[in-house]
Amino acid sequence: MGKIGKGILGGVSGKVANVVGASWKGIDYLRAKPQSVANPRSVLQVNQRTKFSLVLRFLQPNLSFVKLGFKNYAVKQSQFNSAMSYALNNAITGTTIEDFAIDYNLALLSRGTLSGALNPVFDLTTPGQVQFSWDNNSNEGSALPTDKAMFVVYNPLKGESILITDGAARTDVSQTVTIPNSYVGDEILMFISFKNFAETQLSNSIFIGSGTAS
């Protein structure tokens, strides 16, 4: 129970309804009691945080790749934030926290109007290697023979990636990427994109697929 001494202008102590009276260094004052929030974590907030965590876990190991891959979409934000926003808005599947997942076909690691890889595939037959290959589509659309391939080998279990941002020419139609022995038995995911020689244009990355590292 609160008390007011010496009339309404006198000392105040205790609580009256949602008003708390106290004294500090001889100065009497009133303050409102903080309202408690019954549910500080709404379903919408929890869902958004879960989606954010999923995308963050995917993009962090690919940071240097994304910095180049989204350079033309970093308008009033960083390349990483641009990639994060794109994935959150386009690449999350599921309707509840239990089934949220990333659709890697839609979660771009590079983005742009340059012609991408034509019929890309990968092979994991040789231990410690990923063999990428594609068809030469030079001079089709915006593609040029001097365009350079870019590769990602993503290991979601370990939360790390092998990144190549200055790979083989488009006309080379293949490149071998070495992976560490620690990846043996892990699922790995493969992505490919292209940049032009001056790095002013990039293609959308393509998720080629996943397989077990040997």
Protein backbone atom coordinates (compact mmCIF):
# COMPACT_ATOMS: atom_id res chain seq x y z
CA MET A 1 0.00 0.00 0.00
CA GLY A 2 1.40 3.42 -0.97
CA LYS A 3 1.56 6.40 1.35
CA ILE A 4 1.56 10.11 0.58
CA GLY A 5 2.93 12.37 3.31
CA LYS A 6 2.49 16.12 3.82
CA GLY A 7 -0.39 16.32 1.34
CA ILE A 8 -0.29 15.78 -2.40
CA LEU A 9 3.00 17.68 -2.68
CA GLY A 10 4.61 15.75 0.14
CA GLY A 11 6.74 12.60 0.23
CA VAL A 12 5.58 9.52 -1.62
CA SER A 13 6.39 5.89 -0.92
CA GLY A 14 5.09 2.51 -1.94
CA LYS A 15 2.66 1.59 -4.73
CA VAL A 16 -0.74 2.96 -5.59
CA ALA A 17 -2.40 1.01 -8.44
CA ASN A 18 0.17 1.08 -11.27
CA VAL A 19 2.07 4.05 -9.82
CA VAL A 20 5.15 3.53 -7.67
CA GLY A 21 6.42 6.23 -5.34
CA ALA A 22 10.03 6.40 -4.15
CA SER A 23 12.71 8.75 -2.99
CA TRP A 24 16.22 9.22 -4.36
CA LYS A 25 18.74 11.53 -2.63
CA GLY A 26 15.90 13.31 -0.88
CA ILE A 27 13.92 13.79 -4.08
CA ASP A 28 10.44 12.25 -4.12
CA TYR A 29 9.24 10.95 -7.48
CA LEU A 30 6.55 8.84 -9.14
CA ARG A 31 6.98 6.26 -11.86
CA ALA A 32 4.69 3.88 -13.66
CA LYS A 33 5.08 0.21 -12.86
CA PRO A 34 6.36 -1.69 -15.93
CA GLN A 35 3.71 -3.68 -17.72
CA SER A 36 4.50 -7.39 -17.86
CA VAL A 37 4.14 -9.04 -21.26
CA ALA A 38 2.20 -12.27 -21.07
CA ASN A 39 3.67 -13.64 -24.30
CA PRO A 40 6.88 -11.89 -25.37
CA ARG A 41 7.48 -14.51 -28.09
CA SER A 42 4.51 -14.65 -30.42
CA VAL A 43 4.15 -17.45 -32.96
CA LEU A 44 4.98 -14.98 -35.71
CA GLN A 45 8.18 -13.90 -33.92
CA VAL A 46 9.29 -17.48 -33.29
CA ASN A 47 8.61 -18.45 -36.90
CA GLN A 48 10.59 -15.49 -38.23
CA ARG A 49 13.53 -16.19 -35.93
CA THR A 50 13.56 -19.83 -37.01
CA LYS A 51 13.60 -18.87 -40.69
CA PHE A 52 16.33 -16.31 -40.03
CA SER A 53 18.47 -18.92 -38.25
CA LEU A 54 18.07 -21.39 -41.12
CA VAL A 55 19.19 -18.88 -43.73
CA LEU A 56 22.00 -17.54 -41.56
CA ARG A 57 23.39 -21.04 -41.06
CA PHE A 58 23.41 -21.53 -44.84
CA LEU A 59 24.88 -18.17 -45.84
CA GLN A 60 27.60 -17.67 -43.21
CA PRO A 61 29.97 -20.36 -44.57
CA ASN A 62 29.53 -18.83 -48.04
CA LEU A 63 30.15 -15.21 -47.02
CA SER A 64 33.03 -14.37 -49.39
CA PHE A 65 31.14 -15.95 -52.30
CA VAL A 66 27.99 -13.97 -51.49
CA LYS A 67 29.96 -10.71 -51.23
CA LEU A 68 30.89 -11.09 -54.88
CA GLY A 69 27.71 -12.81 -55.97
CA PHE A 70 25.37 -10.09 -54.67
CA LYS A 71 27.60 -7.07 -55.36
CA ASN A 72 25.11 -5.62 -57.84
CA TYR A 73 22.21 -5.92 -55.39
CA ALA A 74 23.80 -4.27 -52.36
CA VAL A 75 21.69 -1.10 -52.54
CA LYS A 76 21.55 0.64 -49.14
CA GLN A 77 22.47 -2.70 -47.56
CA SER A 78 25.35 -5.16 -47.53
CA GLN A 79 25.68 -8.00 -50.03
CA PHE A 80 25.09 -10.46 -47.18
CA ASN A 81 21.89 -8.71 -46.09
CA SER A 82 20.69 -8.65 -49.68
CA ALA A 83 21.23 -12.41 -49.99
CA MET A 84 19.58 -12.95 -46.60
CA SER A 85 16.53 -10.93 -47.61
CA TYR A 86 16.26 -12.74 -50.93
CA ALA A 87 16.39 -16.18 -49.31
CA LEU A 88 13.91 -15.28 -46.57
CA ASN A 89 11.42 -14.00 -49.13
CA ASN A 90 11.89 -16.69 -51.77
CA ALA A 91 13.52 -19.87 -50.51
CA ILE A 92 11.81 -20.97 -47.29
CA THR A 93 9.37 -23.87 -47.50
CA GLY A 94 6.97 -25.12 -44.85
CA THR A 95 4.25 -23.47 -42.78
CA THR A 96 5.23 -24.28 -39.19
CA ILE A 97 8.43 -24.26 -37.14
CA GLU A 98 8.60 -28.05 -37.36
CA ASP A 99 8.81 -28.17 -41.16
CA PHE A 100 10.61 -24.97 -42.19
CA ALA A 101 13.41 -25.76 -44.65
CA ILE A 102 15.50 -24.10 -47.36
CA ASP A 103 14.77 -24.81 -51.00
CA TYR A 104 18.32 -24.69 -52.34
CA ASN A 105 17.05 -24.32 -55.89
CA LEU A 106 15.77 -20.88 -54.89
CA ALA A 107 18.34 -19.75 -52.30
CA LEU A 108 20.75 -17.88 -54.54
CA LEU A 109 24.42 -17.45 -53.64
CA SER A 110 24.97 -15.17 -56.63
CA ARG A 111 22.44 -13.12 -58.53
CA GLY A 112 22.46 -11.36 -61.86
CA THR A 113 21.54 -11.24 -65.52
CA LEU A 114 24.62 -12.94 -66.97
CA SER A 115 23.83 -16.24 -68.72
CA GLY A 116 24.36 -19.09 -66.29
CA ALA A 117 25.78 -22.58 -66.63
CA LEU A 118 24.20 -24.79 -69.29
CA ASN A 119 23.41 -28.36 -68.21
CA PRO A 120 25.76 -28.40 -65.19
CA VAL A 121 26.50 -31.74 -63.50
CA PHE A 122 28.92 -33.07 -60.92
CA ASP A 123 30.68 -36.35 -60.24
CA LEU A 124 31.92 -37.71 -56.89
CA THR A 125 33.52 -40.91 -58.19
CA THR A 126 37.10 -39.88 -57.41
CA PRO A 127 37.80 -39.74 -53.65
CA GLY A 128 38.59 -36.27 -52.37
CA GLN A 129 37.28 -34.54 -55.49
CA VAL A 130 34.19 -33.02 -57.02
CA GLN A 131 34.29 -32.98 -60.81
CA PHE A 132 32.10 -30.18 -62.20
CA SER A 133 31.19 -30.03 -65.89
CA TRP A 134 28.85 -28.01 -68.10
CA ASP A 135 28.12 -27.33 -71.76
CA ASN A 136 29.80 -24.47 -73.57
CA ASN A 137 27.15 -21.82 -74.23
CA SER A 138 29.57 -19.03 -75.11
CA ASN A 139 28.10 -16.29 -77.32
CA GLU A 140 24.55 -17.37 -76.44
CA GLY A 141 22.61 -14.65 -74.67
CA SER A 142 25.06 -12.61 -72.60
CA ALA A 143 27.60 -15.45 -72.24
CA LEU A 144 31.18 -14.94 -73.40
CA PRO A 145 34.13 -17.35 -73.75
CA THR A 146 36.08 -15.32 -71.18
CA ASP A 147 33.47 -15.72 -68.42
CA LYS A 148 34.80 -17.45 -65.31
CA ALA A 149 33.04 -20.20 -63.38
CA MET A 150 32.38 -19.95 -59.65
CA PHE A 151 31.81 -22.99 -57.42
CA VAL A 152 30.48 -23.81 -53.96
CA VAL A 153 30.79 -27.17 -52.23
CA TYR A 154 28.71 -26.74 -49.07
CA ASN A 155 28.89 -29.15 -46.12
CA PRO A 156 25.80 -28.43 -43.97
CA LEU A 157 26.82 -30.91 -41.27
CA LYS A 158 30.09 -29.12 -40.58
CA GLY A 159 28.77 -25.67 -41.44
CA GLU A 160 31.56 -24.93 -43.90
CA SER A 161 32.18 -24.64 -47.63
CA ILE A 162 34.84 -24.88 -50.32
CA LEU A 163 34.54 -21.67 -52.35
CA ILE A 164 36.06 -20.87 -55.74
CA THR A 165 35.28 -17.47 -57.21
CA ASP A 166 37.82 -17.41 -60.05
CA GLY A 167 37.51 -20.78 -61.72
CA ALA A 168 37.76 -22.20 -65.20
CA ALA A 169 36.67 -20.32 -68.31
CA ARG A 170 33.23 -21.02 -69.71
CA THR A 171 34.85 -22.72 -72.71
CA ASP A 172 36.81 -25.13 -70.49
CA VAL A 173 33.54 -26.94 -69.66
CA SER A 174 34.92 -28.62 -66.52
CA GLN A 175 36.81 -28.10 -63.29
CA THR A 176 37.95 -30.33 -60.45
CA VAL A 177 37.47 -29.09 -56.89
CA THR A 178 39.44 -30.77 -54.10
CA ILE A 179 37.61 -31.47 -50.84
CA PRO A 180 39.17 -32.39 -47.46
CA ASN A 181 39.31 -35.93 -46.10
CA SER A 182 37.17 -34.81 -43.18
CA TYR A 183 34.20 -34.57 -45.59
CA VAL A 184 34.17 -38.32 -46.32
CA GLY A 185 30.71 -39.70 -45.61
CA ASP A 186 29.10 -36.27 -45.28
CA GLU A 187 26.38 -34.96 -47.54
CA ILE A 188 27.69 -32.08 -49.67
CA LEU A 189 25.77 -29.66 -51.88
CA MET A 190 27.10 -28.27 -55.16
CA PHE A 191 26.44 -24.85 -56.71
CA ILE A 192 27.79 -23.15 -59.84
CA SER A 193 27.56 -19.65 -61.30
CA PHE A 194 29.50 -17.42 -63.69
CA LYS A 195 30.98 -13.93 -63.68
CA ASN A 196 32.28 -11.89 -66.60
CA PHE A 197 35.99 -11.12 -66.84
CA ALA A 198 35.60 -7.63 -65.34
CA GLU A 199 33.38 -8.92 -62.49
CA THR A 200 30.71 -6.39 -63.37
CA GLN A 201 28.12 -9.02 -64.32
CA LEU A 202 27.17 -12.25 -62.57
CA SER A 203 24.72 -15.05 -63.17
CA ASN A 204 22.22 -16.58 -60.81
CA SER A 205 23.79 -19.48 -58.99
CA ILE A 206 22.44 -22.93 -59.83
CA PHE A 207 22.04 -25.69 -57.25
CA ILE A 208 23.22 -28.77 -59.11
CA GLY A 209 22.41 -31.29 -56.41
CA SER A 210 23.82 -33.15 -53.43
CA GLY A 211 25.76 -36.33 -52.82
CA THR A 212 27.94 -38.18 -50.32
CA ALA A 213 31.59 -37.19 -50.27
CA SER A 214 34.08 -40.02 -50.79
